[in-house]
């Protein structure tokens, strides 16, 4: 087998590929996100009302309803989801509580339920983005 113009045996090729794969996998968490966290961080200048948002968690699509009153998120309700029992309860309870208390959408994922957490946060961000005033 040839790699970079040189002939190498398949075992060395596999080892090189695995080193590259795991090296990239180890470095990616340290690369800052330039889109997601900066899109909607601190909440401000939003319209009052009920807004629905969609996200994709571990179990598939989820839908939330965000209640905004007096320029603040007052309540977040989960309308529809197919997440695994035992995981979603803590995600929805803890992250909703943090968002309402801090009025910030840059919350950390719940350990052990990262996909559900990210899907839930994306659904809330989707709902809040529908309430933003556009100047």
C-alpha atoms as a PDB file:
ATOM      1  CA  UNK A   1       0.000   0.000   0.000  1.00  0.00           C
ATOM      2  CA  UNK A   2       1.250   3.515  -0.796  1.00  0.00           C
ATOM      3  CA  UNK A   3       0.990   6.412   1.637  1.00  0.00           C
ATOM      4  CA  UNK A   4       2.420   9.854   0.775  1.00  0.00           C
ATOM      5  CA  UNK A   5       4.224   8.330  -2.185  1.00  0.00           C
ATOM      6  CA  UNK A   6       5.938   5.661  -0.102  1.00  0.00           C
ATOM      7  CA  UNK A   7       5.201   2.006   0.149  1.00  0.00           C
ATOM      8  CA  UNK A   8       4.142   0.919   3.649  1.00  0.00           C
ATOM      9  CA  UNK A   9       2.594  -2.234   4.994  1.00  0.00           C
ATOM     10  CA  UNK A  10      -1.084  -2.264   5.974  1.00  0.00           C
ATOM     11  CA  UNK A  11      -0.409  -2.479   9.730  1.00  0.00           C
ATOM     12  CA  UNK A  12       1.533   0.783   9.712  1.00  0.00           C
ATOM     13  CA  UNK A  13      -1.184   2.383   7.582  1.00  0.00           C
ATOM     14  CA  UNK A  14      -3.872   1.362  10.095  1.00  0.00           C
ATOM     15  CA  UNK A  15      -1.783   2.663  13.007  1.00  0.00           C
ATOM     16  CA  UNK A  16      -1.251   6.017  11.268  1.00  0.00           C
ATOM     17  CA  UNK A  17      -4.978   6.313  10.555  1.00  0.00           C
ATOM     18  CA  UNK A  18      -5.901   5.499  14.149  1.00  0.00           C
ATOM     19  CA  UNK A  19      -3.405   8.017  15.521  1.00  0.00           C
ATOM     20  CA  UNK A  20      -4.817  10.718  13.236  1.00  0.00           C
ATOM     21  CA  UNK A  21      -8.411   9.835  14.108  1.00  0.00           C
ATOM     22  CA  UNK A  22      -7.899   9.817  17.882  1.00  0.00           C
ATOM     23  CA  UNK A  23      -5.694  12.900  17.709  1.00  0.00           C
ATOM     24  CA  UNK A  24      -8.433  14.868  15.979  1.00  0.00           C
ATOM     25  CA  UNK A  25     -11.043  13.431  18.347  1.00  0.00           C
ATOM     26  CA  UNK A  26      -8.991  14.537  21.363  1.00  0.00           C
ATOM     27  CA  UNK A  27      -8.419  18.087  20.052  1.00  0.00           C
ATOM     28  CA  UNK A  28     -11.950  18.958  18.861  1.00  0.00           C
ATOM     29  CA  UNK A  29     -13.454  19.678  22.310  1.00  0.00           C
ATOM     30  CA  UNK A  30     -10.856  22.416  22.783  1.00  0.00           C
ATOM     31  CA  UNK A  31     -11.718  24.214  19.536  1.00  0.00           C
ATOM     32  CA  UNK A  32     -14.031  27.146  20.335  1.00  0.00           C
ATOM     33  CA  UNK A  33     -17.398  27.257  18.647  1.00  0.00           C
ATOM     34  CA  UNK A  34     -17.757  30.370  16.540  1.00  0.00           C
ATOM     35  CA  UNK A  35     -21.440  30.041  15.679  1.00  0.00           C
ATOM     36  CA  UNK A  36     -23.660  28.387  18.249  1.00  0.00           C
ATOM     37  CA  UNK A  37     -22.641  30.156  21.448  1.00  0.00           C
ATOM     38  CA  UNK A  38     -22.405  33.599  19.898  1.00  0.00           C
ATOM     39  CA  UNK A  39     -25.701  33.500  18.016  1.00  0.00           C
ATOM     40  CA  UNK A  40     -27.869  33.980  21.079  1.00  0.00           C
ATOM     41  CA  UNK A  41     -26.002  34.308  24.349  1.00  0.00           C
ATOM     42  CA  UNK A  42     -27.417  36.847  26.697  1.00  0.00           C
ATOM     43  CA  UNK A  43     -31.055  37.559  26.151  1.00  0.00           C
ATOM     44  CA  UNK A  44     -32.254  41.061  25.474  1.00  0.00           C
ATOM     45  CA  UNK A  45     -34.587  42.971  23.182  1.00  0.00           C
ATOM     46  CA  UNK A  46     -37.141  40.189  22.747  1.00  0.00           C
ATOM     47  CA  UNK A  47     -40.908  40.344  22.198  1.00  0.00           C
ATOM     48  CA  UNK A  48     -43.409  39.060  24.739  1.00  0.00           C
ATOM     49  CA  UNK A  49     -45.387  35.949  23.842  1.00  0.00           C
ATOM     50  CA  UNK A  50     -45.303  32.178  23.536  1.00  0.00           C
ATOM     51  CA  UNK A  51     -42.818  30.819  20.992  1.00  0.00           C
ATOM     52  CA  UNK A  52     -42.267  27.268  19.814  1.00  0.00           C
ATOM     53  CA  UNK A  53     -38.860  25.917  18.943  1.00  0.00           C
ATOM     54  CA  UNK A  54     -37.498  22.660  17.575  1.00  0.00           C
ATOM     55  CA  UNK A  55     -34.313  20.747  18.271  1.00  0.00           C
ATOM     56  CA  UNK A  56     -32.903  17.289  17.682  1.00  0.00           C
ATOM     57  CA  UNK A  57     -31.859  15.252  20.717  1.00  0.00           C
ATOM     58  CA  UNK A  58     -30.693  11.691  21.182  1.00  0.00           C
ATOM     59  CA  UNK A  59     -34.224  10.338  20.579  1.00  0.00           C
ATOM     60  CA  UNK A  60     -34.991  12.561  17.602  1.00  0.00           C
ATOM     61  CA  UNK A  61     -37.045  15.727  17.268  1.00  0.00           C
ATOM     62  CA  UNK A  62     -38.202  17.659  20.308  1.00  0.00           C
ATOM     63  CA  UNK A  63     -40.435  20.701  20.568  1.00  0.00           C
ATOM     64  CA  UNK A  64     -40.496  23.312  23.323  1.00  0.00           C
ATOM     65  CA  UNK A  65     -42.603  26.335  24.142  1.00  0.00           C
ATOM     66  CA  UNK A  66     -40.918  29.375  25.642  1.00  0.00           C
ATOM     67  CA  UNK A  67     -42.965  31.960  27.542  1.00  0.00           C
ATOM     68  CA  UNK A  68     -41.435  35.439  27.302  1.00  0.00           C
ATOM     69  CA  UNK A  69     -42.817  38.307  29.369  1.00  0.00           C
ATOM     70  CA  UNK A  70     -41.296  41.747  30.008  1.00  0.00           C
ATOM     71  CA  UNK A  71     -38.136  40.941  28.063  1.00  0.00           C
ATOM     72  CA  UNK A  72     -37.418  37.797  30.123  1.00  0.00           C
ATOM     73  CA  UNK A  73     -37.887  34.078  29.707  1.00  0.00           C
ATOM     74  CA  UNK A  74     -40.434  33.136  32.358  1.00  0.00           C
ATOM     75  CA  UNK A  75     -41.074  29.471  31.581  1.00  0.00           C
ATOM     76  CA  UNK A  76     -39.973  26.679  29.256  1.00  0.00           C
ATOM     77  CA  UNK A  77     -42.303  23.759  28.552  1.00  0.00           C
ATOM     78  CA  UNK A  78     -41.482  20.609  26.658  1.00  0.00           C
ATOM     79  CA  UNK A  79     -44.285  19.885  24.188  1.00  0.00           C
ATOM     80  CA  UNK A  80     -43.031  16.806  22.394  1.00  0.00           C
ATOM     81  CA  UNK A  81     -40.007  14.512  22.600  1.00  0.00           C
ATOM     82  CA  UNK A  82     -38.874  10.906  22.298  1.00  0.00           C
ATOM     83  CA  UNK A  83     -35.953  10.979  24.695  1.00  0.00           C
ATOM     84  CA  UNK A  84     -34.988   8.045  26.914  1.00  0.00           C
ATOM     85  CA  UNK A  85     -36.705   7.971  30.280  1.00  0.00           C
ATOM     86  CA  UNK A  86     -34.286   8.676  33.095  1.00  0.00           C
ATOM     87  CA  UNK A  87     -32.229  11.125  31.033  1.00  0.00           C
ATOM     88  CA  UNK A  88     -34.607  13.774  29.777  1.00  0.00           C
ATOM     89  CA  UNK A  89     -36.130  14.621  33.177  1.00  0.00           C
ATOM     90  CA  UNK A  90     -32.915  16.062  34.596  1.00  0.00           C
ATOM     91  CA  UNK A  91     -32.011  17.808  31.348  1.00  0.00           C
ATOM     92  CA  UNK A  92     -35.349  19.596  31.017  1.00  0.00           C
ATOM     93  CA  UNK A  93     -35.608  20.442  34.716  1.00  0.00           C
ATOM     94  CA  UNK A  94     -32.031  21.651  35.296  1.00  0.00           C
ATOM     95  CA  UNK A  95     -31.403  23.497  32.057  1.00  0.00           C
ATOM     96  CA  UNK A  96     -34.829  25.189  32.134  1.00  0.00           C
ATOM     97  CA  UNK A  97     -34.179  26.339  35.696  1.00  0.00           C
ATOM     98  CA  UNK A  98     -30.733  27.718  34.795  1.00  0.00           C
ATOM     99  CA  UNK A  99     -31.999  29.574  31.721  1.00  0.00           C
ATOM    100  CA  UNK A 100     -34.886  31.179  33.624  1.00  0.00           C
ATOM    101  CA  UNK A 101     -32.622  32.176  36.543  1.00  0.00           C
ATOM    102  CA  UNK A 102     -29.678  33.511  34.520  1.00  0.00           C
ATOM    103  CA  UNK A 103     -31.500  34.641  31.350  1.00  0.00           C
ATOM    104  CA  UNK A 104     -28.599  33.163  29.398  1.00  0.00           C
ATOM    105  CA  UNK A 105     -28.760  30.431  26.759  1.00  0.00           C
ATOM    106  CA  UNK A 106     -25.136  29.342  27.057  1.00  0.00           C
ATOM    107  CA  UNK A 107     -25.744  26.571  29.567  1.00  0.00           C
ATOM    108  CA  UNK A 108     -23.583  23.472  29.926  1.00  0.00           C
ATOM    109  CA  UNK A 109     -24.888  20.079  28.884  1.00  0.00           C
ATOM    110  CA  UNK A 110     -25.953  17.619  31.567  1.00  0.00           C
ATOM    111  CA  UNK A 111     -23.294  14.929  31.983  1.00  0.00           C
ATOM    112  CA  UNK A 112     -24.418  11.629  30.480  1.00  0.00           C
ATOM    113  CA  UNK A 113     -27.130  13.302  28.401  1.00  0.00           C
ATOM    114  CA  UNK A 114     -25.151  15.521  26.069  1.00  0.00           C
ATOM    115  CA  UNK A 115     -27.212  14.925  22.918  1.00  0.00           C
ATOM    116  CA  UNK A 116     -30.484  15.505  24.779  1.00  0.00           C
ATOM    117  CA  UNK A 117     -29.058  18.658  26.388  1.00  0.00           C
ATOM    118  CA  UNK A 118     -27.861  20.084  23.089  1.00  0.00           C
ATOM    119  CA  UNK A 119     -31.144  19.288  21.386  1.00  0.00           C
ATOM    120  CA  UNK A 120     -33.077  20.966  24.198  1.00  0.00           C
ATOM    121  CA  UNK A 121     -30.845  24.056  24.161  1.00  0.00           C
ATOM    122  CA  UNK A 122     -31.152  24.303  20.381  1.00  0.00           C
ATOM    123  CA  UNK A 123     -34.940  24.071  20.648  1.00  0.00           C
ATOM    124  CA  UNK A 124     -34.985  26.889  23.224  1.00  0.00           C
ATOM    125  CA  UNK A 125     -32.614  28.981  21.090  1.00  0.00           C
ATOM    126  CA  UNK A 126     -34.877  28.383  18.089  1.00  0.00           C
ATOM    127  CA  UNK A 127     -37.912  29.609  20.041  1.00  0.00           C
ATOM    128  CA  UNK A 128     -36.093  32.666  21.401  1.00  0.00           C
ATOM    129  CA  UNK A 129     -34.743  33.549  17.957  1.00  0.00           C
ATOM    130  CA  UNK A 130     -38.344  33.818  16.745  1.00  0.00           C
ATOM    131  CA  UNK A 131     -38.975  36.503  19.374  1.00  0.00           C
ATOM    132  CA  UNK A 132     -36.004  38.754  18.607  1.00  0.00           C
ATOM    133  CA  UNK A 133     -36.628  42.289  17.439  1.00  0.00           C
ATOM    134  CA  UNK A 134     -34.942  42.888  14.143  1.00  0.00           C
ATOM    135  CA  UNK A 135     -33.859  46.506  13.675  1.00  0.00           C
END
